[in-house]
Protein backbone atom coordinates (compact mmCIF):
# COMPACT_ATOMS: atom_id res chain seq x y z
CA MET A 1 16.72 -21.45 6.47
CA LEU A 2 16.27 -17.75 6.25
CA LYS A 3 18.84 -16.27 8.53
CA PHE A 4 17.96 -12.72 9.20
CA GLY A 5 19.77 -9.49 10.09
CA ILE A 6 17.61 -6.48 10.94
CA ILE A 7 19.22 -2.97 10.10
CA GLY A 8 17.07 -0.49 11.80
CA PHE A 9 15.56 -1.70 14.98
CA GLY A 10 12.86 1.03 15.73
CA PHE A 11 9.10 -0.14 15.47
CA MET A 12 9.39 -1.63 12.14
CA GLY A 13 12.88 -3.62 12.93
CA GLN A 14 11.21 -4.70 16.26
CA THR A 15 7.78 -5.83 14.34
CA HIS A 16 10.05 -8.04 11.85
CA ALA A 17 11.78 -9.62 14.62
CA ASP A 18 8.46 -10.48 16.35
CA THR A 19 7.48 -12.04 13.05
CA ILE A 20 10.28 -13.82 12.43
CA GLU A 21 10.36 -15.32 15.97
CA LYS A 22 6.91 -17.21 14.88
CA LEU A 23 8.15 -18.77 11.49
CA ASP A 24 10.01 -22.02 11.70
CA TYR A 25 11.81 -21.59 8.36
CA THR A 26 13.60 -18.11 9.81
CA GLU A 27 15.93 -17.48 12.27
CA LEU A 28 16.90 -14.13 13.42
CA VAL A 29 20.76 -13.77 14.04
CA ALA A 30 21.42 -10.34 14.51
CA VAL A 31 20.13 -6.61 14.77
CA CYS A 32 21.62 -3.34 14.15
CA ASP A 33 20.90 0.19 15.31
CA THR A 34 22.54 3.35 15.76
CA ASN A 35 20.59 3.87 19.14
CA ALA A 36 22.30 1.42 21.69
CA MET A 37 18.66 1.70 23.81
CA GLN A 38 16.36 -0.17 20.95
CA PHE A 39 18.72 -3.12 21.80
CA LYS A 40 16.05 -3.79 24.74
CA GLN A 41 14.23 -5.17 22.42
CA ALA A 42 15.71 -7.31 21.03
CA PRO A 43 14.91 -11.42 21.79
CA GLU A 44 17.33 -13.03 23.91
CA GLY A 45 20.48 -14.76 22.13
CA VAL A 46 20.26 -12.18 19.03
CA ALA A 47 23.81 -10.24 18.59
CA THR A 48 23.56 -6.50 18.35
CA PHE A 49 25.53 -4.22 16.66
CA LEU A 50 25.97 -0.26 16.18
CA LYS A 51 27.43 -0.58 12.74
CA ALA A 52 25.81 -2.19 9.60
CA GLU A 53 29.33 -3.42 8.54
CA ASP A 54 29.86 -5.74 11.54
CA LEU A 55 26.39 -6.97 11.37
CA LEU A 56 27.10 -7.95 7.64
CA ALA A 57 30.18 -9.80 8.87
CA THR A 58 27.77 -12.47 10.46
CA ASP A 59 26.64 -15.59 8.67
CA ILE A 60 23.54 -13.89 7.90
CA ASN A 61 21.88 -14.90 4.15
CA THR A 62 18.91 -12.11 4.41
CA VAL A 63 18.88 -8.20 5.67
CA ILE A 64 15.84 -6.48 6.12
CA ILE A 65 16.29 -2.96 5.99
CA SER A 66 13.96 -0.62 8.11
CA VAL A 67 16.41 2.57 8.25
CA PRO A 68 14.53 6.00 7.60
CA ASN A 69 13.54 6.41 4.24
CA HIS A 70 16.12 8.69 2.84
CA LEU A 71 19.01 5.77 4.17
CA HIS A 72 17.58 3.12 1.91
CA LEU A 73 20.27 3.53 -1.38
CA GLU A 74 23.19 4.07 1.26
CA MET A 75 22.05 0.68 2.76
CA VAL A 76 21.27 -1.42 -0.16
CA LYS A 77 24.51 -0.58 -1.38
CA LYS A 78 26.18 -2.09 1.54
CA VAL A 79 24.50 -5.00 1.74
CA ALA A 80 24.52 -5.86 -1.88
CA GLU A 81 28.32 -5.72 -1.57
CA ALA A 82 28.43 -8.02 1.27
CA GLY A 83 26.56 -10.48 -1.05
CA LYS A 84 23.41 -10.68 1.29
CA ASP A 85 19.66 -10.82 -0.34
CA ILE A 86 17.44 -7.87 0.92
CA ILE A 87 14.19 -7.30 1.82
CA CYS A 88 13.91 -3.38 2.19
CA GLU A 89 11.02 -1.38 3.91
CA LYS A 90 8.71 1.09 1.98
CA PRO A 91 8.76 3.33 0.64
CA ALA A 92 11.61 1.85 -1.62
CA ALA A 93 13.34 4.97 -2.47
CA MET A 94 12.99 8.52 -2.57
CA ASN A 95 12.48 8.75 -5.97
CA ALA A 96 12.01 6.21 -9.47
CA ALA A 97 15.65 7.40 -10.21
CA GLU A 98 16.97 6.13 -6.55
CA PHE A 99 14.90 2.81 -7.14
CA ASP A 100 16.45 2.25 -10.75
CA GLU A 101 19.95 2.75 -8.92
CA MET A 102 19.10 0.18 -6.11
CA MET A 103 17.79 -2.12 -8.96
CA LYS A 104 21.51 -2.01 -11.01
CA ILE A 105 23.04 -2.30 -7.75
CA THR A 106 21.17 -5.45 -6.77
CA GLN A 107 21.50 -6.96 -9.97
CA ALA A 108 25.26 -6.46 -10.55
CA ALA A 109 25.70 -8.02 -7.24
CA ASN A 110 23.28 -11.08 -8.47
CA VAL A 111 21.38 -10.76 -5.02
CA ARG A 112 17.53 -11.13 -4.01
CA PHE A 113 15.96 -7.66 -3.74
CA THR A 114 12.31 -7.10 -2.61
CA ILE A 115 10.52 -4.54 -0.57
CA HIS A 116 7.99 -4.83 2.31
CA HIS A 117 4.99 -4.66 0.61
CA GLN A 118 2.89 -6.72 3.10
CA ARG A 119 -0.18 -4.67 2.76
CA ARG A 120 -0.89 -7.09 -0.30
CA TRP A 121 -2.35 -9.11 2.00
CA ASP A 122 -4.41 -6.61 4.01
CA LYS A 123 -7.82 -8.48 4.36
CA ASP A 124 -10.04 -5.72 3.08
CA PHE A 125 -7.77 -5.29 0.18
CA ARG A 126 -7.75 -8.99 -0.66
CA ILE A 127 -12.16 -8.60 -0.64
CA VAL A 128 -12.06 -5.82 -2.78
CA LYS A 129 -9.69 -7.91 -5.47
CA GLU A 130 -12.08 -10.77 -5.12
CA VAL A 131 -14.64 -8.57 -5.80
CA TYR A 132 -13.03 -7.06 -8.81
CA ASP A 133 -11.78 -10.07 -10.17
CA SER A 134 -14.75 -12.02 -10.19
CA GLN A 135 -16.70 -9.20 -12.59
CA THR A 136 -19.65 -9.36 -10.32
CA LEU A 137 -20.04 -5.79 -10.44
CA GLY A 138 -20.40 -5.85 -14.17
CA ASN A 139 -18.05 -3.09 -15.79
CA ILE A 140 -16.49 -1.08 -13.03
CA PHE A 141 -16.33 2.49 -13.73
CA THR A 142 -14.55 3.66 -10.41
CA ILE A 143 -12.93 2.98 -7.43
CA LYS A 144 -12.24 4.48 -4.47
CA ASN A 145 -9.57 3.78 -1.70
CA SER A 146 -9.56 6.02 1.49
CA LEU A 147 -8.20 6.08 4.87
CA TYR A 148 -9.16 8.94 7.77
CA GLY A 149 -7.49 9.84 10.79
CA PHE A 150 -7.93 12.07 13.76
CA ASN A 151 -4.31 12.86 15.52
CA GLY A 152 -3.80 14.81 12.57
CA ASN A 153 0.35 15.17 13.82
CA MET A 154 2.83 12.62 12.52
CA HIS A 155 5.54 11.16 14.62
CA ASP A 156 9.03 10.47 15.40
CA TRP A 157 11.62 11.22 11.90
CA HIS A 158 8.20 11.30 9.70
CA ILE A 159 7.96 14.81 10.41
CA TYR A 160 10.88 15.93 8.60
CA PRO A 161 10.95 16.21 4.72
CA GLU A 162 14.69 15.19 4.00
CA PHE A 163 14.53 11.88 5.79
CA GLY A 164 11.03 10.97 3.53
CA GLY A 165 8.29 12.00 5.80
CA GLY A 166 5.34 12.70 5.22
CA MET A 167 1.80 10.74 4.48
CA LEU A 168 2.32 9.98 0.55
CA TYR A 169 5.95 7.93 1.69
CA ASP A 170 4.15 6.43 4.93
CA TRP A 171 0.65 5.39 3.76
CA GLY A 172 0.25 6.57 0.21
CA VAL A 173 2.65 3.99 -1.27
CA HIS A 174 0.70 1.37 0.47
CA LEU A 175 -2.87 2.61 -1.02
CA LEU A 176 -1.33 3.42 -4.62
CA ASP A 177 0.25 -0.16 -4.46
CA GLN A 178 -3.22 -1.90 -3.97
CA MET A 179 -4.76 -0.10 -6.66
CA LEU A 180 -1.94 -0.81 -9.28
CA VAL A 181 -1.89 -4.60 -8.18
CA MET A 182 -5.82 -4.99 -8.42
CA MET A 183 -5.70 -3.29 -12.30
CA GLY A 184 -3.69 -5.99 -13.14
CA ASP A 185 -2.61 -5.76 -16.65
CA SER A 186 -4.28 -2.62 -17.17
CA GLN A 187 -1.93 0.00 -18.01
CA LEU A 188 -2.11 3.62 -16.05
CA LYS A 189 -2.61 6.48 -18.54
CA SER A 190 -2.63 9.56 -16.08
CA VAL A 191 -2.64 11.26 -12.82
CA TYR A 192 -3.95 14.32 -10.89
CA ALA A 193 -3.08 15.07 -7.46
CA THR A 194 -3.68 17.41 -4.51
CA VAL A 195 -1.03 16.96 -1.75
CA ARG A 196 -1.31 19.45 1.25
CA ASN A 197 0.03 20.05 4.50
CA VAL A 198 -3.16 20.65 6.61
CA ILE A 199 -1.64 20.11 10.27
CA ASN A 200 1.92 19.55 9.69
CA LYS A 201 3.94 22.43 8.99
CA ASN A 202 6.46 20.31 7.10
CA VAL A 203 5.57 17.22 5.53
CA ASP A 204 2.25 16.30 3.32
CA ASP A 205 -0.72 14.99 5.47
CA TYR A 206 -3.83 15.00 3.42
CA PHE A 207 -3.84 13.94 -0.51
CA ASN A 208 -6.10 13.47 -2.99
CA ILE A 209 -5.19 11.56 -6.45
CA GLN A 210 -7.15 10.53 -9.29
CA LEU A 211 -6.04 7.64 -11.52
CA TYR A 212 -6.87 6.90 -14.84
CA PHE A 213 -6.43 3.13 -16.74
CA ASP A 214 -6.43 2.37 -20.00
CA ASN A 215 -9.74 0.15 -18.94
CA GLY A 216 -11.82 3.05 -18.28
CA ILE A 217 -11.40 2.99 -14.98
CA THR A 218 -11.08 5.94 -13.00
CA GLY A 219 -9.23 5.27 -9.64
CA GLN A 220 -9.35 7.74 -6.37
CA VAL A 221 -6.78 7.25 -3.44
CA GLU A 222 -7.23 9.99 -0.64
CA LEU A 223 -5.90 10.07 2.87
CA GLY A 224 -6.04 12.58 5.32
CA THR A 225 -4.62 12.74 9.03
CA TYR A 226 -7.44 15.11 10.33
CA MET A 227 -10.84 14.56 8.54
CA LEU A 228 -13.66 14.24 11.24
CA SER A 229 -16.68 12.92 11.45
CA GLU A 230 -19.51 10.90 13.73
CA LYS A 231 -20.13 8.24 11.37
CA LYS A 232 -19.53 4.96 12.71
CA ASP A 233 -15.96 3.38 11.89
CA TRP A 234 -14.67 6.61 9.98
CA PHE A 235 -11.76 6.17 11.28
CA GLU A 236 -11.11 3.03 9.07
CA ARG A 237 -10.11 1.79 5.70
CA HIS A 238 -12.95 2.36 3.01
CA TRP A 239 -13.62 1.00 -0.25
CA PHE A 240 -15.98 1.57 -2.66
CA LEU A 241 -16.50 0.22 -6.19
CA GLY A 242 -19.15 0.95 -8.87
CA GLY A 243 -20.11 -0.78 -11.87
CA ASP A 244 -22.92 -1.35 -14.12
CA LYS A 245 -24.34 -4.29 -12.39
CA GLY A 246 -23.81 -3.17 -8.92
CA SER A 247 -21.45 -1.32 -5.92
CA ALA A 248 -19.50 -2.70 -3.33
CA ASN A 249 -18.75 -0.75 -0.18
CA ILE A 250 -15.65 -2.37 2.25
CA ASP A 251 -14.57 -0.37 5.31
CA GLY A 252 -12.51 -1.50 7.93
CA PHE A 253 -9.21 -3.15 8.75
CA ASN A 254 -11.58 -6.27 9.95
CA PRO A 255 -14.12 -5.32 6.71
CA SER A 256 -17.24 -5.46 6.90
CA GLY A 257 -19.55 -4.30 4.02
CA SER A 258 -21.68 -5.77 1.19
CA ILE A 259 -22.16 -5.31 -2.42
CA THR A 260 -25.29 -3.85 -3.28
CA ARG A 261 -27.70 -3.80 -6.26
CA THR A 262 -31.10 -2.60 -7.48
CA THR A 263 -34.30 -5.25 -8.32
CA GLU A 264 -34.81 -3.10 -11.43
CA LEU A 265 -33.71 0.12 -12.75
CA LEU A 266 -36.29 3.25 -13.68
CA GLN A 267 -37.45 2.85 -17.46
CA SER A 268 -37.81 6.29 -19.08
CA VAL A 269 -39.75 6.72 -22.26
CA GLY A 270 -38.09 9.52 -24.79
CA GLY A 271 -40.49 12.92 -24.51
CA LYS A 272 -42.74 11.69 -21.56
CA THR A 273 -42.25 12.55 -17.92
CA THR A 274 -41.61 9.45 -15.94
CA MET A 275 -43.26 9.48 -12.16
CA THR A 276 -41.03 8.09 -9.31
CA PRO A 277 -41.64 7.94 -5.65
CA ALA A 278 -39.36 10.61 -5.48
CA GLY A 279 -41.02 13.25 -8.14
CA PRO A 280 -40.85 13.21 -12.07
CA THR A 281 -37.49 11.97 -13.58
CA ARG A 282 -35.37 11.78 -10.60
CA SER A 283 -32.58 9.44 -10.03
CA PHE A 284 -31.95 10.61 -6.37
CA GLY A 285 -34.30 10.45 -3.13
CA PRO A 286 -35.53 7.64 -1.38
CA PRO A 287 -35.81 4.14 -3.11
CA PRO A 288 -38.79 2.15 -3.16
CA ALA A 289 -39.47 -0.49 -0.64
CA GLY A 290 -37.76 -3.92 -2.03
CA ARG A 291 -35.92 -1.94 -4.88
CA ILE A 292 -32.43 -2.28 -2.74
CA VAL A 293 -30.85 -5.39 -1.99
CA SER A 294 -27.52 -6.61 -0.71
CA GLU A 295 -24.98 -9.73 -0.95
CA ALA A 296 -22.30 -11.01 1.32
CA LEU A 297 -18.97 -10.21 0.76
CA PRO A 298 -16.56 -12.69 0.10
CA GLU A 299 -14.54 -14.70 2.73
CA VAL A 300 -10.64 -14.10 1.95
CA ASP A 301 -8.46 -16.06 4.44
CA VAL A 302 -5.16 -13.63 4.55
CA ASN A 303 -2.44 -11.98 6.80
CA HIS A 304 0.68 -10.43 6.50
CA GLU A 305 3.08 -13.29 7.00
CA MET A 306 2.34 -14.05 3.62
CA PHE A 307 4.67 -11.87 2.52
CA PHE A 308 7.56 -13.81 3.99
CA GLU A 309 5.81 -17.32 3.34
CA ASN A 310 6.25 -16.36 -0.67
CA TYR A 311 9.41 -14.61 -0.15
CA HIS A 312 10.72 -18.66 1.63
CA ARG A 313 8.85 -20.08 -1.64
CA PHE A 314 10.63 -17.48 -4.33
CA VAL A 315 13.92 -18.55 -2.55
CA LYS A 316 13.34 -22.24 -2.91
CA GLY A 317 12.15 -21.94 -6.08
CA GLU A 318 8.61 -22.84 -6.16
CA GLU A 319 7.16 -19.62 -7.17
CA GLU A 320 7.42 -16.07 -8.42
CA LEU A 321 8.52 -13.35 -6.19
CA ALA A 322 5.19 -11.41 -5.54
CA VAL A 323 6.46 -8.05 -4.83
CA LYS A 324 8.68 -7.63 -7.72
CA PRO A 325 11.20 -4.82 -8.21
CA ASN A 326 10.14 -3.77 -11.49
CA GLN A 327 6.51 -3.37 -9.80
CA ILE A 328 7.93 -0.80 -7.29
CA TYR A 329 10.07 1.02 -10.04
CA GLN A 330 6.52 1.61 -11.59
CA LEU A 331 4.78 2.71 -8.18
CA MET A 332 7.70 5.18 -7.83
CA LYS A 333 7.50 6.80 -11.19
CA LEU A 334 3.89 7.28 -10.01
CA VAL A 335 4.69 8.97 -6.73
CA ASP A 336 7.36 11.08 -8.75
CA ALA A 337 4.20 12.19 -10.93
CA ILE A 338 1.91 12.84 -8.26
CA ARG A 339 4.38 15.10 -6.93
CA GLU A 340 4.59 16.95 -9.96
CA SER A 341 1.01 17.11 -10.33
CA ALA A 342 0.14 18.54 -7.42
CA GLU A 343 3.46 21.16 -8.09
CA THR A 344 1.84 22.37 -11.03
CA HIS A 345 -1.84 21.85 -10.89
CA GLN A 346 -1.90 20.02 -14.22
CA VAL A 347 -2.61 16.29 -15.22
CA VAL A 348 0.76 14.02 -15.70
CA THR A 349 0.76 11.12 -18.12
CA LEU A 350 2.44 8.13 -17.71
CA ASP A 351 4.61 6.42 -20.21
C-alpha cells in the first residue's frame, strides 16, 4: 500500500488527493500547507499539518511535493532525511545544478525519487508517439508541438520569477519532455530559442524553441498565452509530423486529425517545364481532385492515473520506473540551454 502525505495543498496537491482517493493501492494519510484555509478541501479523516516536519512524523511511506517551484530542493532534503520516498511536482528544480543535488541527496538517503510528468500519458502525445514509432510516415524530418491561449496573464505565484513562475517552467517542461521521450535514443545536439514576456511583465509567456537531433529531425516547441485566431479548436494542443511518405496532424487534448498522403508525386523532367493545375513546375497551389488522401489516426487508451500505476509496480519490483531522474536531469539541462540561447541569441550545443 502506498501511504501518501502531500506537502503543498494548493491546486495540484488537491488534484493529487482526488487521484489517490480513486486508486485501490493508495491511501492519503496527511496533507500539509502553510495556509490552513486550504484544509477545507482535505478529504474527511485526513490529518492536516502546518509544518512539513509534523507530516513527516506520521506513518506515511511516500510524499508528494507540490509546493512552489523554488521550494522543491528544500522539501526534497527534508523528506529524504526523514527516509520517505518522493514524488516531486514538475518542474523538478530551478535548474540542472539543483536537480543534480536532489539526485545526490535521494541516492545517499536510499529513497525512491521521481517527478510527476503525468503528461507522458496525454492521449494526444501517445497518438503522436504511436505514429512516430510505427514509421508509417517514412523518414520524418520535422515535428512541431504547440499550445496557444487567449487569456494572456498567469495567476497566483506563477507571476513571480523568484518562485519559478513563467510558462517555460509551467507548460514548457511538459512539451519538451514529450519531445525528448518521443525521440528515444536519438540525441539532442543543439537548441535555439526565443523566450518573451508579451503580456506578463516579469515572467515568460511565449517561447519558440528549435531542437536539432542527431537523427536529422528538427523539433519545434511553441507556446503563447496570447496567440489569437478564429480557427476551430485553435486554443488547444497541436502536433504536426512531416515525413517523406506523408504527414500527420493531431489537434486537441481529446485528439482529432489524420494521417495525410498523396496518391502520386509531381514528376519533373530536367530542362523542361512541367505544367500542373496550379501553373508551371509549382509545388504550391490547390491540388487536383483525388491527389490528397487521409487515413485515421491510431487508437490509444491512456490516462494520467497510469503514472501512479507505473510507480506502484516499480515499488513492487514489477517494472522499471517510467520517469527516471537521469531523464529529468537531461530535461533540466535543456531548460538551462534554452535560457542561455534566448539571452545570447545563439545556438547552444548540448553535450
